[in-house]
Protein backbone atom coordinates (compact mmCIF):
# COMPACT_ATOMS: atom_id res chain seq x y z
CA UNK A 1 22.70 -3.51 1.08
CA UNK A 2 19.31 -1.83 0.62
CA UNK A 3 19.44 1.93 0.28
CA UNK A 4 16.19 1.99 2.25
CA UNK A 5 18.13 1.12 5.39
CA UNK A 6 19.90 4.46 5.16
CA UNK A 7 16.73 6.39 5.95
CA UNK A 8 17.22 8.38 9.13
CA UNK A 9 14.28 10.13 10.68
CA UNK A 10 14.71 13.29 12.69
CA UNK A 11 13.68 12.43 16.28
CA UNK A 12 12.45 16.02 16.79
CA UNK A 13 10.26 15.99 13.69
CA UNK A 14 6.69 14.65 13.81
CA UNK A 15 5.62 15.17 10.20
CA UNK A 16 7.29 14.97 6.80
CA UNK A 17 6.08 16.43 3.50
CA UNK A 18 5.51 14.28 0.42
CA UNK A 19 8.62 15.86 -1.10
CA UNK A 20 10.76 14.81 1.85
CA UNK A 21 9.31 11.29 1.79
CA UNK A 22 9.74 10.84 -1.96
CA UNK A 23 13.34 12.01 -1.58
CA UNK A 24 13.94 9.47 1.23
CA UNK A 25 12.84 6.64 -1.05
CA UNK A 26 14.18 8.15 -4.27
CA UNK A 27 10.77 7.83 -5.97
CA UNK A 28 8.38 10.38 -7.46
CA UNK A 29 5.62 12.12 -5.54
CA UNK A 30 3.12 10.56 -7.93
CA UNK A 31 4.29 7.05 -6.99
CA UNK A 32 3.77 7.83 -3.31
CA UNK A 33 0.26 9.12 -4.10
CA UNK A 34 -0.42 6.00 -6.18
CA UNK A 35 0.63 3.74 -3.32
CA UNK A 36 -1.71 5.71 -1.04
CA UNK A 37 -4.58 4.93 -3.39
CA UNK A 38 -3.68 1.23 -3.51
CA UNK A 39 -2.78 0.50 0.13
CA UNK A 40 -5.50 1.32 2.65
CA UNK A 41 -2.97 1.06 5.47
CA UNK A 42 -1.21 4.16 4.11
CA UNK A 43 -3.30 7.21 5.03
CA UNK A 44 -1.23 10.30 5.81
CA UNK A 45 -2.90 13.24 7.47
CA UNK A 46 -3.67 16.28 5.37
CA UNK A 47 -3.64 19.88 6.51
CA UNK A 48 -6.32 22.45 5.60
CA UNK A 49 -4.60 23.08 2.25
CA UNK A 50 -4.58 19.35 1.44
CA UNK A 51 -0.83 18.93 1.89
CA UNK A 52 0.06 15.43 3.03
CA UNK A 53 1.85 15.07 6.36
CA UNK A 54 3.56 11.73 6.86
CA UNK A 55 4.30 10.35 10.32
CA UNK A 56 6.97 7.84 11.29
CA UNK A 57 4.28 5.14 11.10
CA UNK A 58 3.41 6.16 7.53
CA UNK A 59 7.08 6.06 6.59
CA UNK A 60 7.45 2.58 8.09
CA UNK A 61 4.46 1.45 6.02
CA UNK A 62 6.09 2.97 2.95
CA UNK A 63 9.31 1.11 3.78
CA UNK A 64 7.42 -2.17 3.80
CA UNK A 65 5.68 -1.35 0.51
CA UNK A 66 8.94 -0.20 -1.06
CA UNK A 67 10.78 -3.36 -0.06
CA UNK A 68 8.00 -5.61 -1.31
CA UNK A 69 7.44 -3.81 -4.62
CA UNK A 70 10.82 -2.35 -5.54
CA UNK A 71 13.28 -4.71 -3.87
CA UNK A 72 11.46 -8.05 -3.91
CA UNK A 73 9.53 -7.49 -7.13
CA UNK A 74 6.03 -8.10 -5.78
CA UNK A 75 3.03 -6.93 -7.76
CA UNK A 76 0.73 -4.44 -6.04
CA UNK A 77 -1.77 -7.22 -5.33
CA UNK A 78 0.99 -9.47 -4.01
CA UNK A 79 2.29 -6.69 -1.78
CA UNK A 80 -1.23 -6.04 -0.46
CA UNK A 81 -1.60 -9.72 0.41
CA UNK A 82 1.83 -9.83 2.08
CA UNK A 83 1.06 -6.73 4.17
CA UNK A 84 -2.30 -8.16 5.17
CA UNK A 85 -0.65 -11.43 6.25
CA UNK A 86 1.99 -9.50 8.17
CA UNK A 87 -0.73 -7.53 9.94
CA UNK A 88 -2.56 -10.75 10.79
CA UNK A 89 0.63 -12.27 12.22
CA UNK A 90 1.30 -9.12 14.25
CA UNK A 91 -2.23 -9.26 15.64
CA UNK A 92 -1.68 -12.89 16.69
CA UNK A 93 1.62 -11.99 18.37
CA UNK A 94 -0.04 -9.11 20.21
CA UNK A 95 -2.77 -11.44 21.47
CA UNK A 96 -0.23 -13.99 22.71
CA UNK A 97 1.78 -11.26 24.44
CA UNK A 98 -1.39 -9.98 26.12
CA UNK A 99 -2.25 -13.48 27.37
CA UNK A 100 1.27 -14.02 28.65
CA UNK A 101 1.15 -10.73 30.57
CA UNK A 102 -2.10 -11.78 32.24
CA UNK A 103 -0.61 -15.14 33.16
CA UNK A 104 2.44 -13.38 34.57
CA UNK A 105 0.26 -11.08 36.68
CA UNK A 106 -1.66 -14.10 38.00
CA UNK A 107 1.56 -15.91 38.86
CA UNK A 108 2.93 -12.86 40.68
CA UNK A 109 -0.29 -12.61 42.71
CA UNK A 110 -0.12 -16.32 43.49
CA UNK A 111 3.52 -16.03 44.56
CA UNK A 112 2.69 -13.11 46.87
CA UNK A 113 -0.20 -14.98 48.45
CA UNK A 114 2.01 -18.02 49.04
CA UNK A 115 4.65 -15.85 50.70
CA UNK A 116 2.14 -14.41 53.17
C-alpha cells in the first residue's frame, strides 16, 4: 500500500544520517532539512561537525509528516495543525491512562485491606 510501511529500522542502530533517512523516504536531503525548519517537533541531534543524527523517534515523526504531506496531500500548515491535534489527543490519552493506573492501585489496596 504505502511504501512508507516498508521502512525497517535496524534494532542495533541508535542514529541514522540524513542520507539514510532521505533514502528511507525516497526524498531529497533538502526536503528533510526543510521539514525540520517547518516542524518544531522534528529536531534531530547534531554532532560536533553539525551532521544530523536521527533517532527512531525522529523517523516516526518524519513518517507522520510524510504521510500527511505526500500521501494525504496536506499543506505544511495543515500538517502542522494535524500533528498538533494528534499530540493533544495523545496527551489526553496519557492523562486518562495515568488516572486509571492510580484508580487500579487504589482498588488493589482496598482489596488487600478487605482480605485482611
